[in-house]
Amino acid sequence: MSVFGYVYKISYDKPTHTMFAEFGSKSLTKGVILRLTSDEKLQANNINFQDLKGHFITVTGKIIKNSKGEICIDGDNRKTSIIVQQSYAIN
């Protein structure tokens, strides 16, 4: 499944070294969460995780619902692909 959206929140969990990017419509209170432990796939798009907020991304991968009921995609899965639009979104 492919999901396209605006990255409106990024966070980092230090104990697990996991990065989270929430994306979707800016008007949603919930979007899709992209989970990564390495920003290697983002670097292929010439961007690092800290600069991802404000970009539109397309993520193709397996969509799951976690224990909190959130919709997630595992960015570390080798079959997951991430495409980052190089222009910033206009608010």
Protein backbone atom coordinates (compact mmCIF):
# COMPACT_ATOMS: atom_id res chain seq x y z
CA MET A 1 0.00 0.00 0.00
CA SER A 2 1.22 3.52 -0.79
CA VAL A 3 0.43 6.48 1.46
CA PHE A 4 1.09 10.13 0.56
CA GLY A 5 1.03 13.02 3.00
CA TYR A 6 2.53 16.06 4.68
CA VAL A 7 5.02 15.43 7.53
CA TYR A 8 3.62 17.48 10.40
CA LYS A 9 5.45 15.95 13.38
CA ILE A 10 8.73 14.18 13.97
CA SER A 11 9.97 12.65 17.21
CA TYR A 12 12.82 10.50 18.47
CA ASP A 13 12.80 7.84 21.19
CA LYS A 14 16.32 7.81 22.69
CA PRO A 15 16.13 4.48 24.57
CA THR A 16 15.17 2.53 21.43
CA HIS A 17 16.97 4.83 18.93
CA THR A 18 13.74 4.99 16.94
CA MET A 19 12.56 7.89 14.79
CA PHE A 20 8.88 8.56 14.17
CA ALA A 21 7.42 10.77 11.44
CA GLU A 22 3.68 11.47 11.51
CA PHE A 23 2.27 12.38 8.13
CA GLY A 24 -1.05 12.83 6.38
CA SER A 25 -3.37 15.79 6.08
CA LYS A 26 -2.47 18.82 8.19
CA SER A 27 -6.10 19.01 9.30
CA LEU A 28 -6.17 15.46 10.72
CA THR A 29 -5.63 14.82 14.40
CA LYS A 30 -4.23 11.39 13.51
CA GLY A 31 -2.17 10.39 10.53
CA VAL A 32 0.17 7.59 9.56
CA ILE A 33 3.33 6.99 11.56
CA LEU A 34 6.53 6.07 9.74
CA ARG A 35 8.90 4.22 12.10
CA LEU A 36 12.64 4.18 11.37
CA THR A 37 15.76 3.20 13.31
CA SER A 38 18.05 4.49 10.55
CA ASP A 39 17.58 7.38 8.16
CA GLU A 40 19.48 5.54 5.42
CA LYS A 41 16.41 5.46 3.14
CA LEU A 42 15.90 9.19 3.65
CA GLN A 43 19.54 9.94 2.81
CA ALA A 44 18.94 8.31 -0.57
CA ASN A 45 16.54 11.27 -1.10
CA ASN A 46 19.28 13.72 0.05
CA ILE A 47 17.51 14.56 3.32
CA ASN A 48 18.06 13.65 6.95
CA PHE A 49 15.40 12.87 9.53
CA GLN A 50 15.59 16.23 11.34
CA ASP A 51 14.75 18.07 8.08
CA LEU A 52 11.81 15.84 7.11
CA LYS A 53 9.13 17.98 8.81
CA GLY A 54 7.32 20.18 6.29
CA HIS A 55 7.90 17.90 3.30
CA PHE A 56 5.44 15.71 1.46
CA ILE A 57 6.38 12.02 1.40
CA THR A 58 5.11 8.87 -0.27
CA VAL A 59 5.68 5.65 1.66
CA THR A 60 5.03 2.25 0.13
CA GLY A 61 4.98 -0.65 2.55
CA LYS A 62 2.92 -2.86 4.81
CA ILE A 63 0.47 -0.89 6.93
CA ILE A 64 -0.22 -2.18 10.44
CA LYS A 65 -2.16 -0.99 13.49
CA ASN A 66 -0.06 -0.95 16.66
CA SER A 67 -1.22 -1.71 20.21
CA LYS A 68 -2.29 1.95 20.68
CA GLY A 69 -4.53 1.77 17.59
CA GLU A 70 -2.20 3.96 15.52
CA ILE A 71 -1.64 3.28 11.81
CA CYS A 72 2.06 2.57 11.25
CA ILE A 73 4.52 1.63 8.52
CA ASP A 74 7.86 0.00 9.38
CA GLY A 75 10.39 2.03 7.41
CA ASP A 76 13.15 -0.45 8.27
CA ASN A 77 11.49 -3.24 6.32
CA ARG A 78 13.57 -3.87 3.19
CA LYS A 79 10.41 -3.82 1.05
CA THR A 80 9.37 -0.35 2.28
CA SER A 81 10.23 2.57 0.02
CA ILE A 82 10.20 6.27 0.90
CA ILE A 83 10.05 9.10 -1.62
CA VAL A 84 10.51 12.65 -0.35
CA GLN A 85 9.33 15.68 -2.31
CA GLN A 86 12.23 18.12 -2.43
CA SER A 87 10.11 21.25 -2.03
CA TYR A 88 8.63 22.37 1.28
CA ALA A 89 4.89 22.49 1.73
CA ILE A 90 3.24 25.88 1.85
CA ASN A 91 1.17 26.52 4.97
